[in-house]
Amino acid sequence: MSVWNPPRLLDLAGMSLLKDEALAISALEFLPTELFPALFMEAFYGNHSETLKAMVQAWPFVRLPLGGLMQMSHVGTLQAVLDGLDVLLAQKAHPRCLSTPLENLAISHCLLTESDLTHLSRCPSISQLKGLDLSGVTMTDFSPDVLQGLLEKVAATLQELDLELCGITESQLEAILPVLSRCWELTSFSVRGNLLSMKVLGCTTGLPSLCQEFYPPPRESYSSRGALHPGRLAQVRAELLEILRALGRPRIIWISTSPCPHCGGDTPNYSEPILCFELILL
């Protein structure tokens, strides 16, 4: 027997307020801080784009997390949030200290479309982005041009790029290598959780600031039955060490099957050999 849970008074107040979007926007100035999250969620799932845009500009908290909300495609709502950020930055003055461009953006483990990423690449607010986390966003069927356009926008300032568990293919990664090679400030790069071959491991060796790379075991290190082969992994390690020695700069390379979904660490089966090594040149 199911139990009916009546809507909270807070939810009812939000739904009532959003019936008149103009009224909702005008009321934001007087809205208690604790009501913002609930009203934001109502506006998000109700596709109240103008209210969302206004709420981003008036957001009273330090962070505005979106990844957990976007379990389905919300092209209009994502666009409204980004538009709100652009307006906020254009004002050049706000009590949340957002008078400078956005530095870190994490949209992870949710469903995005090519249109979402295309719109993101056109937003002025990401022009000086330092950290970009798109982990868990499936991009297998995306045109390489979409990610290439996004990286071109942030190439001059990007320091951390996370493409873990994106279903990114080898051909897609090869297609973005030219623009990736222009990300001179990049210090950390991760493509763990994707099926790639040995030839793309260490593909970013020419980047002067890069000091940490995170890769999956290459396809060549698996047996015909799909199990990791210790001898092949040892060969992978030897080849990567040669690459690092030729590079002549310190660098850390991690090779692991998957990141931990809870803490971001590695949780491999103990019977599977995992590589993690650092080459320090004295």
C-alpha atoms as a PDB file:
ATOM      1  CA  MET A   1       0.000   0.000   0.000  1.00  0.00           C
ATOM      2  CA  SER A   2       1.484   3.289  -1.099  1.00  0.00           C
ATOM      3  CA  VAL A   3       1.615   6.282   1.196  1.00  0.00           C
ATOM      4  CA  TRP A   4       0.610   9.649  -0.232  1.00  0.00           C
ATOM      5  CA  ASN A   5       3.010  12.422   0.636  1.00  0.00           C
ATOM      6  CA  PRO A   6       1.299  15.794   0.349  1.00  0.00           C
ATOM      7  CA  PRO A   7       3.371  18.645  -1.114  1.00  0.00           C
ATOM      8  CA  ARG A   8       5.146  20.811   1.417  1.00  0.00           C
ATOM      9  CA  LEU A   9       3.942  24.334   2.038  1.00  0.00           C
ATOM     10  CA  LEU A  10       7.248  25.520   0.598  1.00  0.00           C
ATOM     11  CA  ASP A  11       6.615  23.638  -2.663  1.00  0.00           C
ATOM     12  CA  LEU A  12       3.083  24.979  -2.911  1.00  0.00           C
ATOM     13  CA  ALA A  13       4.332  28.526  -2.390  1.00  0.00           C
ATOM     14  CA  GLY A  14       6.877  28.070  -5.183  1.00  0.00           C
ATOM     15  CA  MET A  15       4.325  26.643  -7.610  1.00  0.00           C
ATOM     16  CA  SER A  16       1.919  29.457  -6.827  1.00  0.00           C
ATOM     17  CA  LEU A  17       4.567  32.115  -7.328  1.00  0.00           C
ATOM     18  CA  LEU A  18       5.679  30.667 -10.679  1.00  0.00           C
ATOM     19  CA  LYS A  19       2.155  30.870 -12.093  1.00  0.00           C
ATOM     20  CA  ASP A  20       2.931  34.541 -12.654  1.00  0.00           C
ATOM     21  CA  GLU A  21       6.516  34.661 -13.936  1.00  0.00           C
ATOM     22  CA  ALA A  22       6.691  38.454 -13.870  1.00  0.00           C
ATOM     23  CA  LEU A  23       5.594  38.442 -10.234  1.00  0.00           C
ATOM     24  CA  ALA A  24       8.130  35.724  -9.389  1.00  0.00           C
ATOM     25  CA  ILE A  25      10.973  37.752 -10.904  1.00  0.00           C
ATOM     26  CA  SER A  26       9.976  40.932  -9.101  1.00  0.00           C
ATOM     27  CA  ALA A  27       9.725  39.027  -5.795  1.00  0.00           C
ATOM     28  CA  LEU A  28      13.310  37.715  -5.940  1.00  0.00           C
ATOM     29  CA  GLU A  29      14.634  40.863  -4.295  1.00  0.00           C
ATOM     30  CA  PHE A  30      12.590  40.108  -1.183  1.00  0.00           C
ATOM     31  CA  LEU A  31      12.766  36.298  -1.268  1.00  0.00           C
ATOM     32  CA  PRO A  32      14.323  34.717   1.866  1.00  0.00           C
ATOM     33  CA  THR A  33      17.605  32.956   1.103  1.00  0.00           C
ATOM     34  CA  GLU A  34      16.327  29.558   2.252  1.00  0.00           C
ATOM     35  CA  LEU A  35      13.577  29.628  -0.395  1.00  0.00           C
ATOM     36  CA  PHE A  36      15.951  30.017  -3.359  1.00  0.00           C
ATOM     37  CA  PRO A  37      16.894  26.304  -3.833  1.00  0.00           C
ATOM     38  CA  ALA A  38      13.290  25.061  -3.831  1.00  0.00           C
ATOM     39  CA  LEU A  39      12.094  27.818  -6.160  1.00  0.00           C
ATOM     40  CA  PHE A  40      15.058  27.241  -8.463  1.00  0.00           C
ATOM     41  CA  MET A  41      14.180  23.551  -8.809  1.00  0.00           C
ATOM     42  CA  GLU A  42      10.531  24.351  -9.493  1.00  0.00           C
ATOM     43  CA  ALA A  43      11.582  26.838 -12.167  1.00  0.00           C
ATOM     44  CA  PHE A  44      14.115  24.400 -13.623  1.00  0.00           C
ATOM     45  CA  TYR A  45      11.768  21.463 -14.067  1.00  0.00           C
ATOM     46  CA  GLY A  46       8.875  23.719 -14.998  1.00  0.00           C
ATOM     47  CA  ASN A  47      10.909  25.303 -17.841  1.00  0.00           C
ATOM     48  CA  HIS A  48      10.433  28.841 -16.503  1.00  0.00           C
ATOM     49  CA  SER A  49      13.388  30.213 -18.450  1.00  0.00           C
ATOM     50  CA  GLU A  50      13.001  33.895 -17.603  1.00  0.00           C
ATOM     51  CA  THR A  51      12.695  33.155 -13.900  1.00  0.00           C
ATOM     52  CA  LEU A  52      15.794  30.940 -14.052  1.00  0.00           C
ATOM     53  CA  LYS A  53      17.755  33.675 -15.778  1.00  0.00           C
ATOM     54  CA  ALA A  54      16.756  36.172 -13.094  1.00  0.00           C
ATOM     55  CA  MET A  55      17.457  33.715 -10.249  1.00  0.00           C
ATOM     56  CA  VAL A  56      21.028  33.101 -11.444  1.00  0.00           C
ATOM     57  CA  GLN A  57      21.645  36.854 -11.314  1.00  0.00           C
ATOM     58  CA  ALA A  58      20.231  37.025  -7.775  1.00  0.00           C
ATOM     59  CA  TRP A  59      21.654  33.697  -6.503  1.00  0.00           C
ATOM     60  CA  PRO A  60      22.719  34.219  -2.858  1.00  0.00           C
ATOM     61  CA  PHE A  61      25.043  31.214  -2.495  1.00  0.00           C
ATOM     62  CA  VAL A  62      28.676  30.666  -3.484  1.00  0.00           C
ATOM     63  CA  ARG A  63      27.925  27.639  -5.681  1.00  0.00           C
ATOM     64  CA  LEU A  64      25.196  26.807  -8.180  1.00  0.00           C
ATOM     65  CA  PRO A  65      25.381  22.995  -8.782  1.00  0.00           C
ATOM     66  CA  LEU A  66      23.601  21.774 -11.909  1.00  0.00           C
ATOM     67  CA  GLY A  67      24.895  18.273 -12.627  1.00  0.00           C
ATOM     68  CA  GLY A  68      22.547  16.511 -10.213  1.00  0.00           C
ATOM     69  CA  LEU A  69      19.523  18.246 -11.706  1.00  0.00           C
ATOM     70  CA  MET A  70      20.226  17.470 -15.333  1.00  0.00           C
ATOM     71  CA  GLN A  71      19.272  13.811 -15.535  1.00  0.00           C
ATOM     72  CA  MET A  72      17.493  14.505 -18.789  1.00  0.00           C
ATOM     73  CA  SER A  73      18.036  16.971 -21.575  1.00  0.00           C
ATOM     74  CA  HIS A  74      16.945  20.509 -20.694  1.00  0.00           C
ATOM     75  CA  VAL A  75      18.252  22.591 -23.549  1.00  0.00           C
ATOM     76  CA  GLY A  76      16.125  25.657 -22.777  1.00  0.00           C
ATOM     77  CA  THR A  77      16.830  25.642 -19.052  1.00  0.00           C
ATOM     78  CA  LEU A  78      20.575  25.237 -19.501  1.00  0.00           C
ATOM     79  CA  GLN A  79      20.571  28.104 -21.963  1.00  0.00           C
ATOM     80  CA  ALA A  80      18.620  30.255 -19.507  1.00  0.00           C
ATOM     81  CA  VAL A  81      21.146  29.569 -16.723  1.00  0.00           C
ATOM     82  CA  LEU A  82      24.082  30.447 -18.975  1.00  0.00           C
ATOM     83  CA  ASP A  83      22.306  33.568 -20.213  1.00  0.00           C
ATOM     84  CA  GLY A  84      21.832  34.622 -16.614  1.00  0.00           C
ATOM     85  CA  LEU A  85      25.554  34.232 -15.975  1.00  0.00           C
ATOM     86  CA  ASP A  86      26.351  36.351 -19.016  1.00  0.00           C
ATOM     87  CA  VAL A  87      24.065  39.157 -17.840  1.00  0.00           C
ATOM     88  CA  LEU A  88      25.584  38.971 -14.372  1.00  0.00           C
ATOM     89  CA  LEU A  89      29.117  39.248 -15.718  1.00  0.00           C
ATOM     90  CA  ALA A  90      28.173  42.092 -18.029  1.00  0.00           C
ATOM     91  CA  GLN A  91      26.973  44.132 -15.037  1.00  0.00           C
ATOM     92  CA  LYS A  92      30.563  44.141 -13.654  1.00  0.00           C
ATOM     93  CA  ALA A  93      29.289  44.534 -10.092  1.00  0.00           C
ATOM     94  CA  HIS A  94      27.523  42.105  -7.788  1.00  0.00           C
ATOM     95  CA  PRO A  95      27.719  41.187  -4.041  1.00  0.00           C
ATOM     96  CA  ARG A  96      28.715  37.581  -4.996  1.00  0.00           C
ATOM     97  CA  CYS A  97      32.002  38.791  -6.506  1.00  0.00           C
ATOM     98  CA  LEU A  98      31.113  37.535 -10.001  1.00  0.00           C
ATOM     99  CA  SER A  99      32.467  40.617 -11.709  1.00  0.00           C
ATOM    100  CA  THR A 100      35.099  38.430 -13.354  1.00  0.00           C
ATOM    101  CA  PRO A 101      34.500  35.637 -15.895  1.00  0.00           C
ATOM    102  CA  LEU A 102      33.650  32.128 -14.750  1.00  0.00           C
ATOM    103  CA  GLU A 103      36.773  30.128 -13.791  1.00  0.00           C
ATOM    104  CA  ASN A 104      35.441  26.602 -13.140  1.00  0.00           C
ATOM    105  CA  LEU A 105      32.525  24.781 -14.735  1.00  0.00           C
ATOM    106  CA  ALA A 106      31.381  21.240 -13.878  1.00  0.00           C
ATOM    107  CA  ILE A 107      28.461  19.701 -15.757  1.00  0.00           C
ATOM    108  CA  SER A 108      28.825  16.011 -15.021  1.00  0.00           C
ATOM    109  CA  HIS A 109      26.908  12.727 -15.110  1.00  0.00           C
ATOM    110  CA  CYS A 110      23.932  14.100 -16.982  1.00  0.00           C
ATOM    111  CA  LEU A 111      22.465  14.037 -20.485  1.00  0.00           C
ATOM    112  CA  LEU A 112      23.563  16.878 -22.749  1.00  0.00           C
ATOM    113  CA  THR A 113      23.001  17.354 -26.458  1.00  0.00           C
ATOM    114  CA  GLU A 114      25.260  18.745 -29.146  1.00  0.00           C
ATOM    115  CA  SER A 115      23.137  21.904 -29.032  1.00  0.00           C
ATOM    116  CA  ASP A 116      23.893  22.293 -25.314  1.00  0.00           C
ATOM    117  CA  LEU A 117      27.659  22.211 -25.861  1.00  0.00           C
ATOM    118  CA  THR A 118      27.396  24.445 -28.924  1.00  0.00           C
ATOM    119  CA  HIS A 119      25.531  27.069 -26.898  1.00  0.00           C
ATOM    120  CA  LEU A 120      28.039  26.704 -24.070  1.00  0.00           C
ATOM    121  CA  SER A 121      30.926  27.418 -26.437  1.00  0.00           C
ATOM    122  CA  ARG A 122      29.247  30.671 -27.495  1.00  0.00           C
ATOM    123  CA  CYS A 123      28.815  32.032 -23.965  1.00  0.00           C
ATOM    124  CA  PRO A 124      31.098  34.989 -23.125  1.00  0.00           C
ATOM    125  CA  SER A 125      31.162  33.862 -19.480  1.00  0.00           C
ATOM    126  CA  ILE A 126      33.536  30.956 -20.241  1.00  0.00           C
ATOM    127  CA  SER A 127      36.134  33.028 -22.080  1.00  0.00           C
ATOM    128  CA  GLN A 128      38.636  32.653 -19.205  1.00  0.00           C
ATOM    129  CA  LEU A 129      37.668  29.209 -17.948  1.00  0.00           C
ATOM    130  CA  LYS A 130      40.393  27.391 -15.988  1.00  0.00           C
ATOM    131  CA  GLY A 131      38.612  24.160 -15.087  1.00  0.00           C
ATOM    132  CA  LEU A 132      36.177  22.186 -17.268  1.00  0.00           C
ATOM    133  CA  ASP A 133      34.588  18.967 -15.978  1.00  0.00           C
ATOM    134  CA  LEU A 134      32.344  17.068 -18.414  1.00  0.00           C
ATOM    135  CA  SER A 135      32.824  13.656 -16.793  1.00  0.00           C
ATOM    136  CA  GLY A 136      29.970  11.230 -17.290  1.00  0.00           C
ATOM    137  CA  VAL A 137      28.453  13.224 -20.168  1.00  0.00           C
ATOM    138  CA  THR A 138      28.065  10.759 -23.038  1.00  0.00           C
ATOM    139  CA  MET A 139      29.535  12.201 -26.234  1.00  0.00           C
ATOM    140  CA  THR A 140      30.012   9.040 -28.328  1.00  0.00           C
ATOM    141  CA  ASP A 141      27.777  10.236 -31.160  1.00  0.00           C
ATOM    142  CA  PHE A 142      28.793  13.893 -31.020  1.00  0.00           C
ATOM    143  CA  SER A 143      30.544  15.526 -33.924  1.00  0.00           C
ATOM    144  CA  PRO A 144      34.190  16.274 -32.983  1.00  0.00           C
ATOM    145  CA  ASP A 145      33.550  19.847 -34.122  1.00  0.00           C
ATOM    146  CA  VAL A 146      31.335  20.465 -31.066  1.00  0.00           C
ATOM    147  CA  LEU A 147      34.025  19.713 -28.477  1.00  0.00           C
ATOM    148  CA  GLN A 148      36.653  21.301 -30.685  1.00  0.00           C
ATOM    149  CA  GLY A 149      34.706  24.562 -30.756  1.00  0.00           C
ATOM    150  CA  LEU A 150      34.330  24.539 -26.969  1.00  0.00           C
ATOM    151  CA  LEU A 151      38.048  23.926 -26.418  1.00  0.00           C
ATOM    152  CA  GLU A 152      39.005  26.651 -28.879  1.00  0.00           C
ATOM    153  CA  LYS A 153      37.051  29.123 -26.747  1.00  0.00           C
ATOM    154  CA  VAL A 154      38.955  28.234 -23.558  1.00  0.00           C
ATOM    155  CA  ALA A 155      42.341  27.128 -24.948  1.00  0.00           C
ATOM    156  CA  ALA A 156      44.215  30.215 -23.726  1.00  0.00           C
ATOM    157  CA  THR A 157      43.312  29.755 -20.035  1.00  0.00           C
ATOM    158  CA  LEU A 158      42.260  26.112 -19.492  1.00  0.00           C
ATOM    159  CA  GLN A 159      44.237  24.363 -16.730  1.00  0.00           C
ATOM    160  CA  GLU A 160      42.162  21.258 -15.940  1.00  0.00           C
ATOM    161  CA  LEU A 161      40.131  19.143 -18.386  1.00  0.00           C
ATOM    162  CA  ASP A 162      38.107  16.126 -17.219  1.00  0.00           C
ATOM    163  CA  LEU A 163      36.555  13.891 -19.909  1.00  0.00           C
ATOM    164  CA  GLU A 164      36.216  10.746 -17.797  1.00  0.00           C
ATOM    165  CA  LEU A 165      33.478   8.237 -18.654  1.00  0.00           C
ATOM    166  CA  CYS A 166      32.313  10.260 -21.657  1.00  0.00           C
ATOM    167  CA  GLY A 167      32.277   7.415 -24.164  1.00  0.00           C
ATOM    168  CA  ILE A 168      34.686   9.504 -26.207  1.00  0.00           C
ATOM    169  CA  THR A 169      36.096   7.579 -29.160  1.00  0.00           C
ATOM    170  CA  GLU A 170      39.633   7.449 -30.436  1.00  0.00           C
ATOM    171  CA  SER A 171      38.695   9.299 -33.632  1.00  0.00           C
ATOM    172  CA  GLN A 172      37.046  12.074 -31.596  1.00  0.00           C
ATOM    173  CA  LEU A 173      40.124  12.440 -29.392  1.00  0.00           C
ATOM    174  CA  GLU A 174      42.426  12.533 -32.407  1.00  0.00           C
ATOM    175  CA  ALA A 175      40.219  15.212 -33.988  1.00  0.00           C
ATOM    176  CA  ILE A 176      40.536  17.536 -30.972  1.00  0.00           C
ATOM    177  CA  LEU A 177      44.300  17.036 -30.549  1.00  0.00           C
ATOM    178  CA  PRO A 178      45.220  20.103 -32.645  1.00  0.00           C
ATOM    179  CA  VAL A 179      43.211  22.460 -30.415  1.00  0.00           C
ATOM    180  CA  LEU A 180      44.216  20.529 -27.288  1.00  0.00           C
ATOM    181  CA  SER A 181      47.849  21.112 -28.207  1.00  0.00           C
ATOM    182  CA  ARG A 182      47.181  24.854 -27.959  1.00  0.00           C
ATOM    183  CA  CYS A 183      46.028  24.622 -24.339  1.00  0.00           C
ATOM    184  CA  TRP A 184      49.414  25.806 -23.056  1.00  0.00           C
ATOM    185  CA  GLU A 185      48.222  26.312 -19.459  1.00  0.00           C
ATOM    186  CA  LEU A 186      46.790  22.773 -19.111  1.00  0.00           C
ATOM    187  CA  THR A 187      48.168  21.056 -15.986  1.00  0.00           C
ATOM    188  CA  SER A 188      45.745  18.125 -15.592  1.00  0.00           C
ATOM    189  CA  PHE A 189      44.061  16.005 -18.278  1.00  0.00           C
ATOM    190  CA  SER A 190      41.840  12.940 -17.756  1.00  0.00           C
ATOM    191  CA  VAL A 191      40.157  10.537 -20.180  1.00  0.00           C
ATOM    192  CA  ARG A 192      39.757   7.560 -17.821  1.00  0.00           C
ATOM    193  CA  GLY A 193      36.770   5.311 -18.369  1.00  0.00           C
ATOM    194  CA  ASN A 194      36.977   5.519 -22.173  1.00  0.00           C
ATOM    195  CA  LEU A 195      38.097   2.797 -24.597  1.00  0.00           C
ATOM    196  CA  LEU A 196      41.319   4.018 -26.205  1.00  0.00           C
ATOM    197  CA  SER A 197      44.457   2.530 -27.722  1.00  0.00           C
ATOM    198  CA  MET A 198      48.130   2.953 -26.893  1.00  0.00           C
ATOM    199  CA  LYS A 199      48.731   5.434 -29.700  1.00  0.00           C
ATOM    200  CA  VAL A 200      46.701   8.171 -27.964  1.00  0.00           C
ATOM    201  CA  LEU A 201      48.273   7.693 -24.532  1.00  0.00           C
ATOM    202  CA  GLY A 202      50.747  10.469 -23.994  1.00  0.00           C
ATOM    203  CA  CYS A 203      49.249  12.390 -26.909  1.00  0.00           C
ATOM    204  CA  THR A 204      49.645  15.630 -24.947  1.00  0.00           C
ATOM    205  CA  THR A 205      53.398  15.340 -24.372  1.00  0.00           C
ATOM    206  CA  GLY A 206      54.066  18.662 -26.097  1.00  0.00           C
ATOM    207  CA  LEU A 207      52.160  20.698 -23.518  1.00  0.00           C
ATOM    208  CA  PRO A 208      54.717  22.500 -21.311  1.00  0.00           C
ATOM    209  CA  SER A 209      52.575  22.933 -18.175  1.00  0.00           C
ATOM    210  CA  LEU A 210      50.986  19.468 -18.092  1.00  0.00           C
ATOM    211  CA  CYS A 211      52.051  17.538 -14.988  1.00  0.00           C
ATOM    212  CA  GLN A 212      49.231  15.000 -14.450  1.00  0.00           C
ATOM    213  CA  GLU A 213      47.589  12.679 -16.983  1.00  0.00           C
ATOM    214  CA  PHE A 214      44.871  10.110 -16.258  1.00  0.00           C
ATOM    215  CA  TYR A 215      44.240   7.331 -18.791  1.00  0.00           C
ATOM    216  CA  PRO A 216      42.407   4.009 -18.998  1.00  0.00           C
ATOM    217  CA  PRO A 217      44.419   0.848 -19.701  1.00  0.00           C
ATOM    218  CA  PRO A 218      44.831   0.831 -23.499  1.00  0.00           C
ATOM    219  CA  ARG A 219      42.994  -1.728 -25.613  1.00  0.00           C
ATOM    220  CA  GLU A 220      46.254  -3.523 -26.309  1.00  0.00           C
ATOM    221  CA  SER A 221      46.611  -4.401 -22.607  1.00  0.00           C
ATOM    222  CA  TYR A 222      43.479  -6.593 -22.601  1.00  0.00           C
ATOM    223  CA  SER A 223      43.354 -10.275 -23.484  1.00  0.00           C
ATOM    224  CA  SER A 224      40.933 -11.716 -26.033  1.00  0.00           C
ATOM    225  CA  ARG A 225      38.593 -12.479 -23.117  1.00  0.00           C
ATOM    226  CA  GLY A 226      38.535  -8.872 -21.946  1.00  0.00           C
ATOM    227  CA  ALA A 227      40.794  -9.282 -18.906  1.00  0.00           C
ATOM    228  CA  LEU A 228      43.807  -7.079 -18.213  1.00  0.00           C
ATOM    229  CA  HIS A 229      47.062  -8.815 -19.084  1.00  0.00           C
ATOM    230  CA  PRO A 230      49.963  -8.078 -16.668  1.00  0.00           C
ATOM    231  CA  GLY A 231      52.659  -8.548 -19.297  1.00  0.00           C
ATOM    232  CA  ARG A 232      50.994  -6.170 -21.727  1.00  0.00           C
ATOM    233  CA  LEU A 233      50.552  -3.566 -19.004  1.00  0.00           C
ATOM    234  CA  ALA A 234      54.241  -3.830 -18.223  1.00  0.00           C
ATOM    235  CA  GLN A 235      54.976  -3.142 -21.882  1.00  0.00           C
ATOM    236  CA  VAL A 236      52.679  -0.101 -21.772  1.00  0.00           C
ATOM    237  CA  ARG A 237      54.581   1.186 -18.755  1.00  0.00           C
ATOM    238  CA  ALA A 238      57.917   0.760 -20.500  1.00  0.00           C
ATOM    239  CA  GLU A 239      56.731   2.622 -23.601  1.00  0.00           C
ATOM    240  CA  LEU A 240      55.332   5.509 -21.558  1.00  0.00           C
ATOM    241  CA  LEU A 241      58.547   5.804 -19.561  1.00  0.00           C
ATOM    242  CA  GLU A 242      60.467   6.127 -22.802  1.00  0.00           C
ATOM    243  CA  ILE A 243      58.106   8.902 -23.894  1.00  0.00           C
ATOM    244  CA  LEU A 244      58.633  10.729 -20.580  1.00  0.00           C
ATOM    245  CA  ARG A 245      62.414  10.365 -20.723  1.00  0.00           C
ATOM    246  CA  ALA A 246      62.449  11.807 -24.219  1.00  0.00           C
ATOM    247  CA  LEU A 247      60.251  14.646 -23.000  1.00  0.00           C
ATOM    248  CA  GLY A 248      62.796  15.610 -20.359  1.00  0.00           C
ATOM    249  CA  ARG A 249      60.271  17.080 -17.898  1.00  0.00           C
ATOM    250  CA  PRO A 250      58.704  15.696 -14.676  1.00  0.00           C
ATOM    251  CA  ARG A 251      55.237  14.268 -15.146  1.00  0.00           C
ATOM    252  CA  ILE A 252      52.825  11.904 -13.404  1.00  0.00           C
ATOM    253  CA  ILE A 253      50.773   9.418 -15.393  1.00  0.00           C
ATOM    254  CA  TRP A 254      47.966   7.369 -13.839  1.00  0.00           C
ATOM    255  CA  ILE A 255      46.487   4.367 -15.618  1.00  0.00           C
ATOM    256  CA  SER A 256      43.418   2.872 -13.964  1.00  0.00           C
ATOM    257  CA  THR A 257      40.272   1.042 -14.975  1.00  0.00           C
ATOM    258  CA  SER A 258      37.820   3.506 -13.436  1.00  0.00           C
ATOM    259  CA  PRO A 259      37.493   6.367 -10.941  1.00  0.00           C
ATOM    260  CA  CYS A 260      35.643   5.750  -7.688  1.00  0.00           C
ATOM    261  CA  PRO A 261      32.080   7.141  -7.955  1.00  0.00           C
ATOM    262  CA  HIS A 262      32.194   8.273  -4.318  1.00  0.00           C
ATOM    263  CA  CYS A 263      35.570   9.916  -3.752  1.00  0.00           C
ATOM    264  CA  GLY A 264      37.196  10.050  -7.165  1.00  0.00           C
ATOM    265  CA  GLY A 265      39.905   7.565  -6.148  1.00  0.00           C
ATOM    266  CA  ASP A 266      40.603   4.246  -7.807  1.00  0.00           C
ATOM    267  CA  THR A 267      38.706   1.106  -6.830  1.00  0.00           C
ATOM    268  CA  PRO A 268      40.145  -1.613  -9.070  1.00  0.00           C
ATOM    269  CA  ASN A 269      39.740  -5.313  -8.553  1.00  0.00           C
ATOM    270  CA  TYR A 270      42.874  -6.333  -6.627  1.00  0.00           C
ATOM    271  CA  SER A 271      43.560  -9.095  -9.178  1.00  0.00           C
ATOM    272  CA  GLU A 272      43.956  -6.468 -11.869  1.00  0.00           C
ATOM    273  CA  PRO A 273      47.313  -4.681 -12.136  1.00  0.00           C
ATOM    274  CA  ILE A 274      46.980  -0.913 -12.298  1.00  0.00           C
ATOM    275  CA  LEU A 275      49.788   1.455 -13.212  1.00  0.00           C
ATOM    276  CA  CYS A 276      50.615   4.663 -11.435  1.00  0.00           C
ATOM    277  CA  PHE A 277      54.059   6.089 -11.879  1.00  0.00           C
ATOM    278  CA  GLU A 278      55.980   9.304 -11.704  1.00  0.00           C
ATOM    279  CA  LEU A 279      59.132  10.211 -13.559  1.00  0.00           C
ATOM    280  CA  ILE A 280      61.251  12.818 -11.789  1.00  0.00           C
ATOM    281  CA  LEU A 281      64.311  14.054 -13.610  1.00  0.00           C
ATOM    282  CA  LEU A 282      67.074  15.388 -11.367  1.00  0.00           C
END
